[in-house]
């Protein structure tokens, strides 16, 4: 039996496919475990000790963060026009 690591992309995909409300989308955050991992990656990047694999992972987080911002901005915009 293999252990499947829940990546931030999987977390976000699971969240979006759960039919969240606009309010839930606007308030969405990654899990504490993912937030901690991002913090670690930013620290090793700042210290100049980041490995190539870690750099790739940090790049993935950066792309996901960009996508999450776009989705949240659209959710906020819809909320402000609906109320």
Foldseek 3Di string as FASTA:
>chain_A
DDDDDCAQVNVVVVVVVVVDALVCLLVDDGDPVNVVLLVVLVVCVVVVNDDPVSVVSNVVVVVVVVVSVVSNVVSVVVVVVVD
